[in-house]
Protein backbone atom coordinates (compact mmCIF):
# COMPACT_ATOMS: atom_id res chain seq x y z
CA UNK A 1 21.69 49.38 -29.39
CA UNK A 2 21.40 45.84 -27.99
CA UNK A 3 24.65 43.95 -27.37
CA UNK A 4 24.47 40.20 -28.04
CA UNK A 5 25.32 37.98 -25.12
CA UNK A 6 27.98 36.06 -27.08
CA UNK A 7 31.16 37.77 -28.20
CA UNK A 8 33.58 37.43 -31.16
CA UNK A 9 31.00 35.50 -33.21
CA UNK A 10 31.16 32.65 -30.71
CA UNK A 11 28.45 30.01 -31.15
CA UNK A 12 26.00 30.41 -28.25
CA UNK A 13 26.22 27.71 -25.62
CA UNK A 14 23.41 26.81 -23.22
CA UNK A 15 23.62 24.13 -20.53
CA UNK A 16 20.63 22.52 -18.86
CA UNK A 17 21.66 20.89 -15.60
CA UNK A 18 20.58 19.58 -12.22
CA UNK A 19 21.83 17.33 -9.43
CA UNK A 20 19.86 14.10 -9.16
CA UNK A 21 19.62 12.24 -5.85
CA UNK A 22 21.33 9.18 -7.37
CA UNK A 23 23.04 8.23 -10.61
CA UNK A 24 20.14 5.97 -11.67
CA UNK A 25 17.72 8.92 -11.61
CA UNK A 26 17.18 11.12 -14.63
CA UNK A 27 15.55 14.53 -14.97
CA UNK A 28 12.31 14.54 -16.93
CA UNK A 29 12.11 18.33 -16.52
CA UNK A 30 15.43 18.99 -18.29
CA UNK A 31 14.33 16.84 -21.20
CA UNK A 32 11.10 18.84 -21.57
CA UNK A 33 13.17 22.03 -21.74
CA UNK A 34 15.49 20.52 -24.34
CA UNK A 35 12.61 19.25 -26.47
CA UNK A 36 11.15 22.76 -26.61
CA UNK A 37 14.33 24.76 -27.35
CA UNK A 38 13.43 24.83 -31.10
CA UNK A 39 16.10 26.78 -33.04
CA UNK A 40 18.32 26.90 -29.93
CA UNK A 41 18.35 23.13 -29.54
CA UNK A 42 21.63 22.64 -31.47
CA UNK A 43 23.31 25.06 -29.07
CA UNK A 44 21.93 23.39 -25.92
CA UNK A 45 23.11 20.34 -24.01
CA UNK A 46 21.92 18.43 -20.96
CA UNK A 47 24.55 17.66 -18.32
CA UNK A 48 23.35 15.85 -15.21
CA UNK A 49 25.21 15.29 -11.95
CA UNK A 50 24.29 13.71 -8.64
CA UNK A 51 24.40 15.04 -5.10
CA UNK A 52 27.38 12.85 -4.20
CA UNK A 53 29.68 14.98 -6.40
CA UNK A 54 31.59 17.94 -4.97
CA UNK A 55 30.31 21.41 -5.82
CA UNK A 56 33.82 22.49 -6.88
CA UNK A 57 34.14 19.57 -9.30
CA UNK A 58 30.73 20.30 -10.84
CA UNK A 59 31.54 23.99 -11.22
CA UNK A 60 34.83 23.10 -12.91
CA UNK A 61 33.10 20.78 -15.35
CA UNK A 62 30.37 23.29 -16.20
CA UNK A 63 32.91 26.05 -16.79
CA UNK A 64 34.96 23.82 -19.07
CA UNK A 65 32.10 23.96 -21.61
CA UNK A 66 32.34 27.77 -21.76
CA UNK A 67 28.57 28.32 -21.50
CA UNK A 68 26.80 31.63 -21.99
CA UNK A 69 23.72 30.48 -20.08
CA UNK A 70 23.26 27.76 -17.44
CA UNK A 71 19.77 26.65 -16.43
CA UNK A 72 19.55 24.84 -13.08
CA UNK A 73 16.64 22.62 -12.00
CA UNK A 74 16.35 23.28 -8.25
CA UNK A 75 14.70 20.79 -5.90
CA UNK A 76 14.57 20.24 -2.17
CA UNK A 77 17.36 17.63 -2.29
CA UNK A 78 19.84 19.71 -4.31
CA UNK A 79 19.21 23.37 -3.48
CA UNK A 80 22.10 23.73 -1.02
CA UNK A 81 24.66 22.26 -3.43
CA UNK A 82 23.37 24.25 -6.39
CA UNK A 83 23.70 27.40 -4.28
CA UNK A 84 27.38 26.55 -3.69
CA UNK A 85 27.91 25.83 -7.40
CA UNK A 86 26.34 29.16 -8.42
CA UNK A 87 28.55 30.99 -5.91
CA UNK A 88 31.65 29.38 -7.45
CA UNK A 89 30.60 30.10 -11.03
CA UNK A 90 29.73 33.71 -10.28
CA UNK A 91 33.08 34.15 -8.52
CA UNK A 92 35.08 32.71 -11.42
CA UNK A 93 33.04 34.04 -14.34
CA UNK A 94 30.28 36.47 -13.33
CA UNK A 95 29.31 37.06 -16.98
CA UNK A 96 27.68 33.63 -17.26
CA UNK A 97 23.90 34.03 -17.03
CA UNK A 98 22.32 31.80 -14.40
CA UNK A 99 18.62 30.89 -14.75
CA UNK A 100 16.99 28.78 -12.05
CA UNK A 101 13.65 27.01 -12.00
CA UNK A 102 11.92 24.04 -10.41
CA UNK A 103 9.78 23.61 -7.27
CA UNK A 104 12.34 24.91 -4.79
CA UNK A 105 13.03 28.07 -6.81
CA UNK A 106 9.42 28.96 -7.65
CA UNK A 107 8.20 30.30 -4.30
CA UNK A 108 9.25 32.60 -1.44
CA UNK A 109 11.89 34.33 -3.57
CA UNK A 110 12.62 37.05 -1.05
CA UNK A 111 13.72 34.45 1.51
CA UNK A 112 16.28 32.65 -0.64
CA UNK A 113 19.94 33.45 -1.23
CA UNK A 114 19.88 31.33 -4.39
CA UNK A 115 17.31 33.73 -5.86
CA UNK A 116 19.53 36.72 -5.08
CA UNK A 117 22.54 35.13 -6.79
CA UNK A 118 20.71 33.90 -9.90
CA UNK A 119 20.18 36.29 -12.79
CA UNK A 120 16.65 35.07 -13.53
CA UNK A 121 14.07 32.81 -11.90
CA UNK A 122 11.32 31.05 -13.85
CA UNK A 123 8.23 30.35 -11.78
CA UNK A 124 6.35 27.11 -12.30
CA UNK A 125 6.24 25.34 -15.65
CA UNK A 126 9.22 26.44 -17.74
CA UNK A 127 8.70 24.17 -20.79
CA UNK A 128 8.39 27.14 -23.15
CA UNK A 129 9.53 30.04 -20.95
CA UNK A 130 13.14 28.87 -20.69
CA UNK A 131 13.65 28.96 -24.46
CA UNK A 132 11.95 32.35 -24.73
CA UNK A 133 14.18 33.75 -21.99
CA UNK A 134 17.34 32.39 -23.64
CA UNK A 135 16.28 33.79 -27.02
CA UNK A 136 15.78 37.24 -25.49
CA UNK A 137 19.16 37.12 -23.77
CA UNK A 138 21.05 35.93 -26.84
CA UNK A 139 19.56 38.77 -28.88
CA UNK A 140 21.16 41.27 -26.52
CA UNK A 141 17.98 42.23 -24.69
CA UNK A 142 17.17 41.56 -21.06
CA UNK A 143 13.88 40.33 -19.58
CA UNK A 144 12.05 43.16 -17.84
CA UNK A 145 11.69 41.26 -14.56
CA UNK A 146 14.10 38.98 -12.74
CA UNK A 147 11.17 36.75 -11.70
CA UNK A 148 9.66 35.40 -14.90
CA UNK A 149 6.02 34.30 -14.88
CA UNK A 150 5.41 31.89 -17.81
CA UNK A 151 2.39 32.52 -19.98
CA UNK A 152 -0.35 29.87 -19.87
CA UNK A 153 -0.23 27.14 -22.51
CA UNK A 154 -1.99 23.87 -23.30
CA UNK A 155 -0.11 20.58 -23.30
CA UNK A 156 -0.69 20.13 -27.03
CA UNK A 157 1.57 23.16 -27.59
CA UNK A 158 4.69 21.53 -26.16
CA UNK A 159 6.90 18.85 -27.66
CA UNK A 160 7.29 15.61 -25.73
CA UNK A 161 10.71 14.92 -24.17
CA UNK A 162 11.28 11.21 -24.67
CA UNK A 163 13.75 11.42 -27.58
CA UNK A 164 16.17 13.09 -25.18
CA UNK A 165 16.70 10.01 -23.05
CA UNK A 166 20.02 8.87 -24.50
CA UNK A 167 21.40 5.34 -24.78
CA UNK A 168 23.08 5.58 -21.37
CA UNK A 169 19.75 6.55 -19.81
CA UNK A 170 17.98 3.66 -21.49
CA UNK A 171 20.63 1.19 -20.34
CA UNK A 172 21.28 2.40 -16.80
CA UNK A 173 18.73 4.89 -15.50
CA UNK A 174 15.09 5.06 -14.51
CA UNK A 175 13.01 6.50 -17.34
CA UNK A 176 10.26 8.81 -16.07
CA UNK A 177 7.12 9.38 -18.14
CA UNK A 178 3.83 11.21 -17.65
CA UNK A 179 0.46 10.75 -19.30
CA UNK A 180 -1.07 13.71 -17.46
CA UNK A 181 -0.14 16.71 -15.36
CA UNK A 182 -1.74 18.18 -12.30
CA UNK A 183 -3.93 16.91 -9.50
CA UNK A 184 -7.57 17.64 -8.61
CA UNK A 185 -6.99 17.16 -4.89
CA UNK A 186 -5.86 19.82 -2.42
CA UNK A 187 -3.73 17.97 0.16
CA UNK A 188 -1.99 20.85 1.87
CA UNK A 189 1.43 19.23 2.40
CA UNK A 190 1.85 18.77 -1.38
CA UNK A 191 2.70 21.25 -4.14
CA UNK A 192 -0.02 19.64 -6.24
CA UNK A 193 -2.48 21.43 -3.95
CA UNK A 194 -1.75 24.48 -6.12
CA UNK A 195 -2.93 22.75 -9.31
CA UNK A 196 -6.37 23.63 -10.62
CA UNK A 197 -7.14 20.30 -12.26
CA UNK A 198 -5.58 17.44 -14.24
CA UNK A 199 -4.48 18.01 -17.83
CA UNK A 200 -4.03 14.88 -19.98
CA UNK A 201 -1.55 14.61 -22.83
CA UNK A 202 -2.86 13.40 -26.19
CA UNK A 203 -3.04 9.69 -25.44
CA UNK A 204 -2.29 8.43 -28.94
CA UNK A 205 0.81 10.62 -29.21
CA UNK A 206 1.89 9.58 -25.72
CA UNK A 207 1.59 5.88 -26.55
CA UNK A 208 3.54 6.42 -29.78
CA UNK A 209 6.36 7.79 -27.63
CA UNK A 210 6.11 4.81 -25.27
CA UNK A 211 6.41 2.52 -28.29
CA UNK A 212 9.60 4.27 -29.36
CA UNK A 213 11.06 3.95 -25.87
CA UNK A 214 10.11 0.28 -25.78
CA UNK A 215 11.75 -0.35 -29.15
CA UNK A 216 14.91 1.31 -27.82
CA UNK A 217 15.01 -1.16 -24.96
CA UNK A 218 13.26 0.60 -22.08
CA UNK A 219 11.53 -1.94 -19.84
CA UNK A 220 11.17 0.05 -16.60
CA UNK A 221 8.62 2.88 -16.96
CA UNK A 222 8.03 5.09 -13.93
CA UNK A 223 4.86 7.18 -14.33
CA UNK A 224 5.01 10.47 -12.42
CA UNK A 225 1.26 11.17 -12.82
CA UNK A 226 -0.19 12.13 -9.43
CA UNK A 227 -3.51 10.44 -10.17
CA UNK A 228 -2.94 7.71 -12.74
CA UNK A 229 -6.33 6.09 -12.14
CA UNK A 230 -8.40 9.28 -12.21
CA UNK A 231 -9.68 8.71 -15.76
CA UNK A 232 -10.27 4.98 -15.93
CA UNK A 233 -10.60 4.71 -19.72
CA UNK A 234 -7.13 6.23 -20.19
CA UNK A 235 -5.64 4.09 -17.42
CA UNK A 236 -6.95 0.91 -19.05
CA UNK A 237 -5.75 1.95 -22.50
CA UNK A 238 -2.22 2.56 -21.18
CA UNK A 239 -2.18 -0.74 -19.30
CA UNK A 240 -3.51 -2.61 -22.32
CA UNK A 241 -0.68 -1.11 -24.40
CA UNK A 242 1.88 -2.72 -22.10
CA UNK A 243 -0.05 -5.96 -21.63
CA UNK A 244 -0.08 -6.46 -25.39
CA UNK A 245 3.74 -6.54 -25.35
CA UNK A 246 3.57 -9.86 -23.51
CA UNK A 247 7.01 -9.06 -22.13
CA UNK A 248 7.90 -10.45 -18.70
CA UNK A 249 10.78 -7.95 -18.40
CA UNK A 250 8.40 -4.98 -18.22
CA UNK A 251 8.08 -3.15 -14.91
CA UNK A 252 5.57 -0.31 -14.46
CA UNK A 253 5.26 2.10 -11.53
CA UNK A 254 2.01 4.03 -11.01
CA UNK A 255 0.69 6.33 -8.28
CA UNK A 256 -2.91 5.39 -7.51
CA UNK A 257 -5.81 7.18 -5.85
CA UNK A 258 -6.44 4.65 -3.04
CA UNK A 259 -10.25 4.73 -2.94
CA UNK A 260 -10.91 4.70 -6.70
CA UNK A 261 -10.62 1.21 -8.15
CA UNK A 262 -13.67 0.34 -10.29
CA UNK A 263 -14.25 -3.18 -11.58
CA UNK A 264 -13.08 -2.48 -15.14
CA UNK A 265 -9.69 -1.37 -13.85
CA UNK A 266 -9.47 -4.30 -11.44
CA UNK A 267 -10.03 -6.71 -14.32
CA UNK A 268 -7.10 -5.17 -16.21
CA UNK A 269 -4.75 -5.15 -13.20
CA UNK A 270 -5.47 -8.85 -12.59
CA UNK A 271 -3.96 -9.74 -15.96
CA UNK A 272 -0.45 -8.48 -15.16
CA UNK A 273 2.15 -11.16 -14.39
CA UNK A 274 4.29 -11.25 -11.21
CA UNK A 275 7.00 -8.60 -10.75
CA UNK A 276 5.54 -6.26 -13.37
CA UNK A 277 3.48 -3.71 -11.39
CA UNK A 278 4.21 -1.41 -8.49
CA UNK A 279 1.52 0.85 -7.05
CA UNK A 280 2.41 3.79 -4.85
CA UNK A 281 -0.60 4.58 -2.69
CA UNK A 282 -0.57 7.74 -0.60
CA UNK A 283 -2.44 7.12 2.65
CA UNK A 284 -0.65 9.85 4.67
CA UNK A 285 -3.05 9.62 7.62
CA UNK A 286 -5.99 7.41 8.55
CA UNK A 287 -7.38 9.86 11.11
CA UNK A 288 -10.52 11.63 9.77
CA UNK A 289 -9.84 14.82 11.77
CA UNK A 290 -6.30 15.11 10.40
CA UNK A 291 -7.54 14.40 6.87
CA UNK A 292 -10.06 17.21 7.22
CA UNK A 293 -7.43 19.65 8.52
CA UNK A 294 -5.14 19.07 5.54
CA UNK A 295 -8.00 19.07 2.98
CA UNK A 296 -7.47 15.42 2.09
CA UNK A 297 -10.55 13.60 0.83
CA UNK A 298 -10.25 9.85 1.30
CA UNK A 299 -12.68 7.05 2.01
CA UNK A 300 -10.70 4.98 4.51
CA UNK A 301 -12.92 1.90 4.37
CA UNK A 302 -12.80 1.77 0.59
CA UNK A 303 -9.04 2.36 0.66
CA UNK A 304 -8.56 -0.61 3.01
CA UNK A 305 -10.81 -2.82 0.89
CA UNK A 306 -8.93 -1.89 -2.30
CA UNK A 307 -5.50 -2.61 -0.85
CA UNK A 308 -6.73 -5.95 0.50
CA UNK A 309 -8.20 -6.78 -2.90
CA UNK A 310 -4.92 -5.93 -4.65
CA UNK A 311 -3.05 -8.16 -2.19
CA UNK A 312 -5.42 -11.09 -2.64
CA UNK A 313 -6.16 -10.94 -6.37
CA UNK A 314 -3.13 -9.42 -8.12
CA UNK A 315 0.65 -9.66 -8.30
CA UNK A 316 1.12 -5.91 -7.82
CA UNK A 317 3.70 -4.70 -5.29
CA UNK A 318 1.95 -2.20 -3.02
CA UNK A 319 3.88 0.70 -1.50
CA UNK A 320 1.77 2.75 0.93
CA UNK A 321 2.80 6.07 2.49
CA UNK A 322 2.20 7.51 5.95
CA UNK A 323 3.42 10.91 7.20
CA UNK A 324 4.61 11.77 10.71
CA UNK A 325 4.03 15.31 11.97
CA UNK A 326 0.81 16.41 10.25
CA UNK A 327 -1.20 19.04 12.16
CA UNK A 328 -3.65 17.39 14.55
CA UNK A 329 -1.81 14.02 14.45
CA UNK A 330 -0.47 13.02 17.86
CA UNK A 331 1.41 9.89 18.86
CA UNK A 332 -1.75 7.91 19.60
CA UNK A 333 -3.52 8.68 16.30
CA UNK A 334 -0.38 7.95 14.28
CA UNK A 335 0.09 4.68 16.19
CA UNK A 336 -3.51 3.71 15.50
CA UNK A 337 -3.12 4.51 11.80
CA UNK A 338 0.11 2.54 11.48
CA UNK A 339 -1.33 -0.48 13.28
CA UNK A 340 -4.38 -0.39 11.02
CA UNK A 341 -2.22 -0.19 7.91
CA UNK A 342 0.01 -3.06 9.09
CA UNK A 343 -3.13 -5.18 9.42
CA UNK A 344 -4.22 -4.18 5.91
CA UNK A 345 -0.79 -5.51 4.89
CA UNK A 346 0.64 -3.62 1.90
CA UNK A 347 4.07 -4.89 0.82
CA UNK A 348 5.80 -1.75 2.11
CA UNK A 349 4.76 1.07 4.39
CA UNK A 350 6.92 4.10 3.72
CA UNK A 351 6.98 6.30 6.82
CA UNK A 352 7.86 9.86 5.90
CA UNK A 353 8.43 12.98 7.97
CA UNK A 354 6.37 16.07 7.14
CA UNK A 355 8.36 18.65 5.16
CA UNK A 356 7.44 22.27 4.57
CA UNK A 357 7.71 22.43 0.80
CA UNK A 358 7.87 26.06 -0.34
CA UNK A 359 4.50 27.32 -1.53
CA UNK A 360 2.37 24.60 0.06
CA UNK A 361 -0.74 25.65 2.06
CA UNK A 362 0.33 23.59 5.11
CA UNK A 363 1.83 26.76 6.59
CA UNK A 364 -1.65 28.09 7.37
CA UNK A 365 -1.58 25.76 10.40
CA UNK A 366 1.78 27.01 11.69
CA UNK A 367 0.53 29.18 14.53
CA UNK A 368 -2.44 27.15 15.73
CA UNK A 369 -0.55 23.83 15.80
CA UNK A 370 2.86 25.33 16.62
CA UNK A 371 4.54 23.75 13.58
CA UNK A 372 8.32 24.19 13.78
CA UNK A 373 10.33 23.20 10.74
CA UNK A 374 14.04 22.81 10.12
CA UNK A 375 15.20 26.07 8.47
CA UNK A 376 17.60 24.04 6.30
CA UNK A 377 16.62 21.55 3.56
CA UNK A 378 14.79 19.23 3.63
CA UNK A 379 12.68 21.49 5.93
CA UNK A 380 11.51 18.53 8.02
CA UNK A 381 9.26 19.18 10.98
CA UNK A 382 11.10 19.42 14.30
CA UNK A 383 8.13 19.63 16.65
CA UNK A 384 4.50 20.66 16.87
CA UNK A 385 1.79 21.19 19.45
CA UNK A 386 1.27 17.43 19.90
CA UNK A 387 4.79 16.01 19.43
CA UNK A 388 7.78 17.63 21.14
CA UNK A 389 11.29 17.76 19.65
CA UNK A 390 12.69 14.74 21.53
CA UNK A 391 9.72 12.59 20.55
CA UNK A 392 9.99 13.76 16.93
CA UNK A 393 13.64 12.70 16.95
CA UNK A 394 12.61 9.25 18.19
CA UNK A 395 10.07 9.07 15.37
CA UNK A 396 12.71 10.07 12.83
CA UNK A 397 14.79 7.12 13.99
CA UNK A 398 11.67 4.95 13.98
CA UNK A 399 11.13 5.78 10.29
CA UNK A 400 14.77 5.03 9.42
CA UNK A 401 14.88 1.70 11.27
CA UNK A 402 11.50 0.76 9.81
CA UNK A 403 12.94 1.20 6.33
CA UNK A 404 16.02 -0.97 6.90
CA UNK A 405 14.29 -3.70 8.94
CA UNK A 406 10.63 -3.91 7.90
CA UNK A 407 10.64 -2.51 4.34
CA UNK A 408 13.97 -3.91 3.22
CA UNK A 409 12.62 -7.42 2.76
CA UNK A 410 15.59 -9.12 4.44
CA UNK A 411 13.62 -9.93 7.59
CA UNK A 412 10.48 -11.20 5.94
CA UNK A 413 10.17 -14.22 8.25
CA UNK A 414 10.99 -12.29 11.44
CA UNK A 415 8.86 -9.23 10.70
CA UNK A 416 5.61 -10.50 12.22
CA UNK A 417 7.44 -11.59 15.39
CA UNK A 418 8.97 -8.14 15.79
CA UNK A 419 5.71 -6.26 15.21
CA UNK A 420 3.46 -8.60 17.20
CA UNK A 421 -0.01 -7.46 18.23
CA UNK A 422 1.00 -3.81 18.65
CA UNK A 423 3.34 -2.92 15.76
CA UNK A 424 3.87 0.73 16.72
CA UNK A 425 4.63 0.13 20.39
CA UNK A 426 6.88 -2.86 19.66
CA UNK A 427 8.85 -1.09 16.98
CA UNK A 428 9.23 2.10 19.03
CA UNK A 429 10.64 -0.04 21.86
CA UNK A 430 13.05 -1.63 19.38
CA UNK A 431 13.94 1.81 18.00
CA UNK A 432 14.82 3.25 21.41
CA UNK A 433 16.94 0.21 22.28
CA UNK A 434 18.79 0.15 18.94
CA UNK A 435 19.74 3.79 19.19
CA UNK A 436 20.77 3.50 22.82
CA UNK A 437 23.02 0.53 22.01
CA UNK A 438 24.53 1.78 18.76
CA UNK A 439 24.10 5.56 18.60
CA UNK A 440 23.58 5.30 14.84
CA UNK A 441 20.82 5.02 12.24
CA UNK A 442 22.92 4.26 9.16
CA UNK A 443 25.69 1.97 7.96
CA UNK A 444 24.74 -1.23 9.77
CA UNK A 445 26.41 -4.29 8.32
CA UNK A 446 23.88 -7.05 7.72
CA UNK A 447 25.50 -9.59 10.06
CA UNK A 448 25.57 -6.98 12.82
CA UNK A 449 21.92 -6.17 12.24
CA UNK A 450 21.03 -9.85 12.62
CA UNK A 451 22.87 -9.98 15.95
CA UNK A 452 21.26 -6.79 17.22
CA UNK A 453 17.80 -8.01 16.29
CA UNK A 454 18.39 -11.33 18.04
CA UNK A 455 19.34 -9.57 21.27
CA UNK A 456 16.46 -7.10 21.08
CA UNK A 457 13.86 -9.72 20.20
CA UNK A 458 14.87 -12.08 23.01
CA UNK A 459 15.60 -9.53 25.75
CA UNK A 460 13.65 -6.36 25.00
CA UNK A 461 10.61 -7.73 23.17
CA UNK A 462 10.63 -10.94 25.27
CA UNK A 463 10.19 -13.31 22.34
CA UNK A 464 11.00 -16.97 22.87
CA UNK A 465 14.67 -17.74 22.06
CA UNK A 466 13.99 -20.82 19.93
CA UNK A 467 11.28 -19.09 17.89
CA UNK A 468 13.52 -16.06 17.37
CA UNK A 469 16.46 -18.20 16.23
CA UNK A 470 14.29 -20.20 13.82
CA UNK A 471 12.85 -17.12 12.12
CA UNK A 472 16.12 -15.21 11.98
CA UNK A 473 17.88 -18.29 10.60
CA UNK A 474 15.36 -18.47 7.76
CA UNK A 475 16.07 -14.82 6.95
CA UNK A 476 19.83 -15.32 7.29
CA UNK A 477 19.83 -18.22 4.85
CA UNK A 478 17.64 -16.29 2.41
CA UNK A 479 20.07 -13.34 2.53
CA UNK A 480 22.82 -15.31 0.79
CA UNK A 481 25.32 -14.63 3.58
CA UNK A 482 27.95 -17.31 4.07
CA UNK A 483 28.73 -19.23 7.24
CA UNK A 484 26.62 -19.62 10.35
CA UNK A 485 25.04 -16.69 12.16
CA UNK A 486 26.38 -15.66 15.56
CA UNK A 487 23.21 -14.17 16.94
CA UNK A 488 24.22 -14.12 20.59
CA UNK A 489 27.26 -11.84 20.41
CA UNK A 490 26.48 -8.90 22.67
CA UNK A 491 27.19 -5.32 21.57
CA UNK A 492 29.83 -5.07 24.33
CA UNK A 493 31.59 -8.23 23.12
CA UNK A 494 31.48 -6.90 19.56
CA UNK A 495 33.08 -3.63 20.68
CA UNK A 496 35.79 -5.51 22.60
CA UNK A 497 36.52 -7.64 19.51
CA UNK A 498 36.94 -4.52 17.37
CA UNK A 499 39.22 -3.01 20.04
CA UNK A 500 41.34 -6.16 20.06
CA UNK A 501 41.55 -6.15 16.26
CA UNK A 502 42.74 -2.54 16.36
CA UNK A 503 45.38 -3.46 18.92
CA UNK A 504 46.59 -6.39 16.79
CA UNK A 505 46.92 -4.10 13.78
CA UNK A 506 49.09 -1.72 15.77
CA UNK A 507 51.20 -4.62 17.01
CA UNK A 508 51.86 -5.75 13.43
CA UNK A 509 53.27 -2.31 12.62
CA UNK A 510 55.46 -2.34 15.73
CA UNK A 511 56.95 -5.77 14.96
């Protein structure tokens, strides 16, 4: 005879949870699960945390709700903390059923402690499988296998999640939406390489949901579609929907295929006002050999022409991505790609470090290209055949400094001076000097960063003092900082000043 999971006629309690990277993020995946809980929906709640919270505090809060089942969404940025939370929960109340899912939990189960500790693991898309698993458990039965493989379904069979963004989400968080799932491309560093094709949602139903979100006050829509501009007719219809709002507060984020921008779509993009569009464009590498190795199909000339056209003819903010550490990419080919992309001039160039996402085909190159990845999340590459560990560490710092100096927007007037005619070489020189002088890559105060850049530009990059001061002063004034900049304070003088201040503080206590 089956024994129900709940005891003493207690109402069943199910929690859907995850740890987001920041408070302003929200989990679209949890809301899909909630929307498809059907008769179990009244017994289910979403509780989101962020990675800045302590595992012990999260475990305490989850336990206070007296759940029967907890479903965790596991991702590369939260897997370590969720593991600690599960350990705590299982120590305090081992009867609580733990179900995990998400990209980080769906592959290489035999290599993960989190899989061993969880009661059940749902592979891949859990929109319907989570509810079915909970229903089985609450009836007193147990799924036959610990690793649950969801049955195939079509998107028309699932309920859309957008009603489960609450008022706090609408007011304070990024609202994620998707008009399609999947990706037709096979880039080996990406989990989308495992997709067979792209599956669109019913467009009329999707736009009805967007209308409801808009009426509730949502003005920032972040589309998670991997290939928003794959089907141009749908792309235009979605854009026309938002254009017809004639609302200057709207902000839309799309991920574009870089070499697919036909004239009909261009004509629609041109109509958007300033500050309303952001396009994320994955370049990843501009070296044809590397592109071939990772199964990435991309017309580089057309990509360059399209980005230049967007810059010249639209108000869209263009965010382009490059990856350090791909197989076959050495320092010279990456430098050439970065310099080319700087000349193409997107608004931001996001420099990422290759990560070995579980399940991705990139591992087929491990032996030939001697790919060595960090065994701990985020599984970033440590070295390969072409880039040794010390050089990879320099490039990690390069990417971090690039983000806070070039991408940040605070040094818009000084940027071209810093990068000069050889952006990669100049910025690597700056990177090495900054780290040698400071020993840090984070927590620079803005006034200190101005002083460091002044010293580096005038002494290391050999830029004329007057020109450097003029450009940095423009950036300083635009930053809103008060007072006059003190660009020529040396790092040693700054350290001596801090030492003196510390001494004065001690003297005040003594007297």
